[in-house]
Amino acid sequence: MIWLRSIKLAAGGPQAQREARLMMSEKIAAAIREGGRLMMGSSADSVVKRYRKRVKANVRRLSA
């Protein structure tokens, strides 16, 4: 959920900086990983399923 991260980033401070670094590293790693999976023949559905699983994990982490 974008709004959860937005709230954390808007608060500023060291936690916001950590969250921003984590967000960028997650996005870059996911793009490389999932792009590779697509090039190797994985279906778009499987990529979306993995993405949704990671989004749920982030929602749990950010809601805590």
PDB file of N, CA and C in Angstrom:
ATOM      1  N   MET A   1       0.833  -1.180   0.000  1.00  0.00           N
ATOM      2  CA  MET A   1       0.000   0.000   0.000  1.00  0.00           C
ATOM      3  C   MET A   1       0.881   1.249   0.000  1.00  0.00           C
ATOM      4  N   ILE A   2       0.688   2.036  -1.007  1.00  0.00           N
ATOM      5  CA  ILE A   2       1.496   3.230  -1.173  1.00  0.00           C
ATOM      6  C   ILE A   2       1.303   4.197  -0.015  1.00  0.00           C
ATOM      7  N   TRP A   3       0.103   4.330   0.488  1.00  0.00           N
ATOM      8  CA  TRP A   3      -0.155   5.320   1.541  1.00  0.00           C
ATOM      9  C   TRP A   3       0.590   4.994   2.824  1.00  0.00           C
ATOM     10  N   LEU A   4       0.799   3.705   3.123  1.00  0.00           N
ATOM     11  CA  LEU A   4       1.540   3.346   4.330  1.00  0.00           C
ATOM     12  C   LEU A   4       2.995   3.827   4.227  1.00  0.00           C
ATOM     13  N   ARG A   5       3.581   3.596   3.059  1.00  0.00           N
ATOM     14  CA  ARG A   5       4.956   4.061   2.876  1.00  0.00           C
ATOM     15  C   ARG A   5       5.008   5.577   2.851  1.00  0.00           C
ATOM     16  N   SER A   6       4.027   6.208   2.247  1.00  0.00           N
ATOM     17  CA  SER A   6       3.999   7.671   2.181  1.00  0.00           C
ATOM     18  C   SER A   6       3.973   8.291   3.570  1.00  0.00           C
ATOM     19  N   ILE A   7       3.187   7.708   4.453  1.00  0.00           N
ATOM     20  CA  ILE A   7       3.107   8.210   5.834  1.00  0.00           C
ATOM     21  C   ILE A   7       4.473   8.082   6.512  1.00  0.00           C
ATOM     22  N   LYS A   8       5.105   6.932   6.332  1.00  0.00           N
ATOM     23  CA  LYS A   8       6.413   6.708   6.951  1.00  0.00           C
ATOM     24  C   LYS A   8       7.447   7.687   6.390  1.00  0.00           C
ATOM     25  N   LEU A   9       7.430   7.907   5.086  1.00  0.00           N
ATOM     26  CA  LEU A   9       8.387   8.829   4.480  1.00  0.00           C
ATOM     27  C   LEU A   9       8.116  10.274   4.895  1.00  0.00           C
ATOM     28  N   ALA A  10       6.846  10.639   4.996  1.00  0.00           N
ATOM     29  CA  ALA A  10       6.490  12.014   5.369  1.00  0.00           C
ATOM     30  C   ALA A  10       6.915  12.348   6.789  1.00  0.00           C
ATOM     31  N   ALA A  11       7.007  11.336   7.646  1.00  0.00           N
ATOM     32  CA  ALA A  11       7.408  11.556   9.032  1.00  0.00           C
ATOM     33  C   ALA A  11       8.861  12.025   9.124  1.00  0.00           C
ATOM     34  N   GLY A  12       9.661  11.684   8.112  1.00  0.00           N
ATOM     35  CA  GLY A  12      11.058  12.104   8.097  1.00  0.00           C
ATOM     36  C   GLY A  12      11.911  11.358   9.107  1.00  0.00           C
ATOM     37  N   GLY A  13      13.139  11.748   9.213  1.00  0.00           N
ATOM     38  CA  GLY A  13      14.054  11.149  10.172  1.00  0.00           C
ATOM     39  C   GLY A  13      14.722   9.892   9.667  1.00  0.00           C
ATOM     40  N   PRO A  14      15.465   9.240  10.546  1.00  0.00           N
ATOM     41  CA  PRO A  14      16.227   8.040  10.172  1.00  0.00           C
ATOM     42  C   PRO A  14      15.347   6.899   9.658  1.00  0.00           C
ATOM     43  N   GLN A  15      14.159   6.724  10.256  1.00  0.00           N
ATOM     44  CA  GLN A  15      13.281   5.642   9.794  1.00  0.00           C
ATOM     45  C   GLN A  15      12.807   5.892   8.371  1.00  0.00           C
ATOM     46  N   ALA A  16      12.519   7.132   8.041  1.00  0.00           N
ATOM     47  CA  ALA A  16      12.091   7.468   6.680  1.00  0.00           C
ATOM     48  C   ALA A  16      13.230   7.233   5.690  1.00  0.00           C
ATOM     49  N   GLN A  17      14.442   7.574   6.093  1.00  0.00           N
ATOM     50  CA  GLN A  17      15.591   7.343   5.218  1.00  0.00           C
ATOM     51  C   GLN A  17      15.801   5.855   4.968  1.00  0.00           C
ATOM     52  N   ARG A  18      15.673   5.057   6.036  1.00  0.00           N
ATOM     53  CA  ARG A  18      15.796   3.603   5.880  1.00  0.00           C
ATOM     54  C   ARG A  18      14.717   3.068   4.941  1.00  0.00           C
ATOM     55  N   GLU A  19      13.490   3.551   5.136  1.00  0.00           N
ATOM     56  CA  GLU A  19      12.374   3.098   4.302  1.00  0.00           C
ATOM     57  C   GLU A  19      12.598   3.462   2.840  1.00  0.00           C
ATOM     58  N   ALA A  20      13.100   4.661   2.578  1.00  0.00           N
ATOM     59  CA  ALA A  20      13.361   5.082   1.205  1.00  0.00           C
ATOM     60  C   ALA A  20      14.430   4.199   0.556  1.00  0.00           C
ATOM     61  N   ARG A  21      15.496   3.905   1.301  1.00  0.00           N
ATOM     62  CA  ARG A  21      16.541   3.021   0.759  1.00  0.00           C
ATOM     63  C   ARG A  21      15.996   1.625   0.508  1.00  0.00           C
ATOM     64  N   LEU A  22      15.205   1.116   1.451  1.00  0.00           N
ATOM     65  CA  LEU A  22      14.619  -0.212   1.292  1.00  0.00           C
ATOM     66  C   LEU A  22      13.694  -0.249   0.082  1.00  0.00           C
ATOM     67  N   MET A  23      12.860   0.778  -0.056  1.00  0.00           N
ATOM     68  CA  MET A  23      11.911   0.831  -1.153  1.00  0.00           C
ATOM     69  C   MET A  23      12.653   0.790  -2.499  1.00  0.00           C
ATOM     70  N   MET A  24      13.694   1.590  -2.633  1.00  0.00           N
ATOM     71  CA  MET A  24      14.427   1.629  -3.900  1.00  0.00           C
ATOM     72  C   MET A  24      15.146   0.312  -4.173  1.00  0.00           C
ATOM     73  N   SER A  25      15.776  -0.250  -3.163  1.00  0.00           N
ATOM     74  CA  SER A  25      16.486  -1.514  -3.389  1.00  0.00           C
ATOM     75  C   SER A  25      15.511  -2.632  -3.730  1.00  0.00           C
ATOM     76  N   GLU A  26      14.334  -2.649  -3.080  1.00  0.00           N
ATOM     77  CA  GLU A  26      13.314  -3.655  -3.402  1.00  0.00           C
ATOM     78  C   GLU A  26      12.840  -3.515  -4.841  1.00  0.00           C
ATOM     79  N   LYS A  27      12.585  -2.281  -5.273  1.00  0.00           N
ATOM     80  CA  LYS A  27      12.071  -2.043  -6.624  1.00  0.00           C
ATOM     81  C   LYS A  27      13.084  -2.474  -7.678  1.00  0.00           C
ATOM     82  N   ILE A  28      14.347  -2.111  -7.479  1.00  0.00           N
ATOM     83  CA  ILE A  28      15.381  -2.466  -8.448  1.00  0.00           C
ATOM     84  C   ILE A  28      15.577  -3.972  -8.498  1.00  0.00           C
ATOM     85  N   ALA A  29      15.665  -4.607  -7.334  1.00  0.00           N
ATOM     86  CA  ALA A  29      15.857  -6.062  -7.286  1.00  0.00           C
ATOM     87  C   ALA A  29      14.681  -6.793  -7.923  1.00  0.00           C
ATOM     88  N   ALA A  30      13.465  -6.330  -7.659  1.00  0.00           N
ATOM     89  CA  ALA A  30      12.276  -6.974  -8.227  1.00  0.00           C
ATOM     90  C   ALA A  30      12.248  -6.830  -9.743  1.00  0.00           C
ATOM     91  N   ALA A  31      12.602  -5.659 -10.248  1.00  0.00           N
ATOM     92  CA  ALA A  31      12.595  -5.444 -11.694  1.00  0.00           C
ATOM     93  C   ALA A  31      13.593  -6.373 -12.388  1.00  0.00           C
ATOM     94  N   ILE A  32      14.771  -6.501 -11.813  1.00  0.00           N
ATOM     95  CA  ILE A  32      15.794  -7.378 -12.398  1.00  0.00           C
ATOM     96  C   ILE A  32      15.336  -8.837 -12.323  1.00  0.00           C
ATOM     97  N   ARG A  33      14.894  -9.250 -11.147  1.00  0.00           N
ATOM     98  CA  ARG A  33      14.493 -10.638 -10.932  1.00  0.00           C
ATOM     99  C   ARG A  33      13.314 -11.026 -11.814  1.00  0.00           C
ATOM    100  N   GLU A  34      12.266 -10.223 -11.785  1.00  0.00           N
ATOM    101  CA  GLU A  34      11.051 -10.585 -12.517  1.00  0.00           C
ATOM    102  C   GLU A  34      11.237 -10.413 -14.022  1.00  0.00           C
ATOM    103  N   GLY A  35      12.040  -9.432 -14.430  1.00  0.00           N
ATOM    104  CA  GLY A  35      12.348  -9.307 -15.851  1.00  0.00           C
ATOM    105  C   GLY A  35      13.073 -10.540 -16.357  1.00  0.00           C
ATOM    106  N   GLY A  36      14.003 -11.030 -15.561  1.00  0.00           N
ATOM    107  CA  GLY A  36      14.709 -12.266 -15.911  1.00  0.00           C
ATOM    108  C   GLY A  36      13.779 -13.461 -15.984  1.00  0.00           C
ATOM    109  N   ARG A  37      12.862 -13.535 -15.048  1.00  0.00           N
ATOM    110  CA  ARG A  37      11.893 -14.648 -15.059  1.00  0.00           C
ATOM    111  C   ARG A  37      11.038 -14.598 -16.320  1.00  0.00           C
ATOM    112  N   LEU A  38      10.608 -13.400 -16.711  1.00  0.00           N
ATOM    113  CA  LEU A  38       9.810 -13.275 -17.924  1.00  0.00           C
ATOM    114  C   LEU A  38      10.614 -13.683 -19.153  1.00  0.00           C
ATOM    115  N   MET A  39      11.895 -13.273 -19.205  1.00  0.00           N
ATOM    116  CA  MET A  39      12.738 -13.645 -20.346  1.00  0.00           C
ATOM    117  C   MET A  39      12.975 -15.150 -20.409  1.00  0.00           C
ATOM    118  N   MET A  40      12.927 -15.804 -19.255  1.00  0.00           N
ATOM    119  CA  MET A  40      13.137 -17.254 -19.223  1.00  0.00           C
ATOM    120  C   MET A  40      11.846 -18.036 -19.437  1.00  0.00           C
ATOM    121  N   GLY A  41      10.739 -17.328 -19.667  1.00  0.00           N
ATOM    122  CA  GLY A  41       9.503 -18.021 -20.014  1.00  0.00           C
ATOM    123  C   GLY A  41       8.430 -18.067 -18.952  1.00  0.00           C
ATOM    124  N   SER A  42       8.652 -17.446 -17.813  1.00  0.00           N
ATOM    125  CA  SER A  42       7.597 -17.421 -16.790  1.00  0.00           C
ATOM    126  C   SER A  42       6.415 -16.619 -17.307  1.00  0.00           C
ATOM    127  N   SER A  43       5.251 -16.961 -16.812  1.00  0.00           N
ATOM    128  CA  SER A  43       4.053 -16.245 -17.243  1.00  0.00           C
ATOM    129  C   SER A  43       3.911 -14.931 -16.481  1.00  0.00           C
ATOM    130  N   ALA A  44       3.211 -14.007 -17.105  1.00  0.00           N
ATOM    131  CA  ALA A  44       2.928 -12.732 -16.438  1.00  0.00           C
ATOM    132  C   ALA A  44       2.117 -12.987 -15.172  1.00  0.00           C
ATOM    133  N   ASP A  45       1.227 -13.964 -15.194  1.00  0.00           N
ATOM    134  CA  ASP A  45       0.425 -14.290 -14.005  1.00  0.00           C
ATOM    135  C   ASP A  45       1.302 -14.703 -12.834  1.00  0.00           C
ATOM    136  N   SER A  46       2.346 -15.475 -13.093  1.00  0.00           N
ATOM    137  CA  SER A  46       3.216 -15.903 -11.992  1.00  0.00           C
ATOM    138  C   SER A  46       3.994 -14.721 -11.429  1.00  0.00           C
ATOM    139  N   VAL A  47       4.386 -13.793 -12.295  1.00  0.00           N
ATOM    140  CA  VAL A  47       5.102 -12.601 -11.844  1.00  0.00           C
ATOM    141  C   VAL A  47       4.185 -11.749 -10.971  1.00  0.00           C
ATOM    142  N   VAL A  48       2.948 -11.558 -11.412  1.00  0.00           N
ATOM    143  CA  VAL A  48       1.987 -10.757 -10.649  1.00  0.00           C
ATOM    144  C   VAL A  48       1.696 -11.425  -9.312  1.00  0.00           C
ATOM    145  N   LYS A  49       1.590 -12.741  -9.288  1.00  0.00           N
ATOM    146  CA  LYS A  49       1.331 -13.470  -8.039  1.00  0.00           C
ATOM    147  C   LYS A  49       2.458 -13.245  -7.035  1.00  0.00           C
ATOM    148  N   ARG A  50       3.709 -13.301  -7.499  1.00  0.00           N
ATOM    149  CA  ARG A  50       4.857 -13.064  -6.606  1.00  0.00           C
ATOM    150  C   ARG A  50       4.862 -11.624  -6.114  1.00  0.00           C
ATOM    151  N   TYR A  51       4.524 -10.697  -7.003  1.00  0.00           N
ATOM    152  CA  TYR A  51       4.487  -9.286  -6.626  1.00  0.00           C
ATOM    153  C   TYR A  51       3.443  -9.058  -5.539  1.00  0.00           C
ATOM    154  N   ARG A  52       2.263  -9.629  -5.710  1.00  0.00           N
ATOM    155  CA  ARG A  52       1.196  -9.462  -4.715  1.00  0.00           C
ATOM    156  C   ARG A  52       1.602 -10.029  -3.361  1.00  0.00           C
ATOM    157  N   LYS A  53       2.325 -11.137  -3.367  1.00  0.00           N
ATOM    158  CA  LYS A  53       2.790 -11.744  -2.119  1.00  0.00           C
ATOM    159  C   LYS A  53       3.736 -10.794  -1.389  1.00  0.00           C
ATOM    160  N   ARG A  54       4.619 -10.144  -2.133  1.00  0.00           N
ATOM    161  CA  ARG A  54       5.559  -9.203  -1.515  1.00  0.00           C
ATOM    162  C   ARG A  54       4.852  -7.946  -1.019  1.00  0.00           C
ATOM    163  N   VAL A  55       3.840  -7.503  -1.754  1.00  0.00           N
ATOM    164  CA  VAL A  55       3.066  -6.333  -1.313  1.00  0.00           C
ATOM    165  C   VAL A  55       2.381  -6.635   0.013  1.00  0.00           C
ATOM    166  N   LYS A  56       1.798  -7.822   0.144  1.00  0.00           N
ATOM    167  CA  LYS A  56       1.151  -8.205   1.399  1.00  0.00           C
ATOM    168  C   LYS A  56       2.142  -8.223   2.554  1.00  0.00           C
ATOM    169  N   ALA A  57       3.340  -8.723   2.297  1.00  0.00           N
ATOM    170  CA  ALA A  57       4.366  -8.759   3.346  1.00  0.00           C
ATOM    171  C   ALA A  57       4.752  -7.331   3.766  1.00  0.00           C
ATOM    172  N   ASN A  58       4.845  -6.421   2.801  1.00  0.00           N
ATOM    173  CA  ASN A  58       5.164  -5.028   3.132  1.00  0.00           C
ATOM    174  C   ASN A  58       4.042  -4.370   3.921  1.00  0.00           C
ATOM    175  N   VAL A  59       2.799  -4.670   3.570  1.00  0.00           N
ATOM    176  CA  VAL A  59       1.659  -4.109   4.303  1.00  0.00           C
ATOM    177  C   VAL A  59       1.730  -4.558   5.757  1.00  0.00           C
ATOM    178  N   ARG A  60       2.002  -5.839   5.988  1.00  0.00           N
ATOM    179  CA  ARG A  60       2.117  -6.349   7.364  1.00  0.00           C
ATOM    180  C   ARG A  60       3.248  -5.642   8.107  1.00  0.00           C
ATOM    181  N   ARG A  61       4.386  -5.488   7.455  1.00  0.00           N
ATOM    182  CA  ARG A  61       5.546  -4.855   8.094  1.00  0.00           C
ATOM    183  C   ARG A  61       5.262  -3.383   8.406  1.00  0.00           C
ATOM    184  N   LEU A  62       4.676  -2.669   7.471  1.00  0.00           N
ATOM    185  CA  LEU A  62       4.436  -1.241   7.662  1.00  0.00           C
ATOM    186  C   LEU A  62       3.294  -0.958   8.615  1.00  0.00           C
ATOM    187  N   SER A  63       2.392  -1.916   8.780  1.00  0.00           N
ATOM    188  CA  SER A  63       1.233  -1.727   9.661  1.00  0.00           C
ATOM    189  C   SER A  63       1.583  -2.002  11.119  1.00  0.00           C
ATOM    190  N   ALA A  64       2.704  -2.653  11.346  1.00  0.00           N
ATOM    191  CA  ALA A  64       3.080  -3.052  12.709  1.00  0.00           C
ATOM    192  C   ALA A  64       3.554  -1.883  13.533  1.00  0.00           C
TER     193      ALA A  64
END
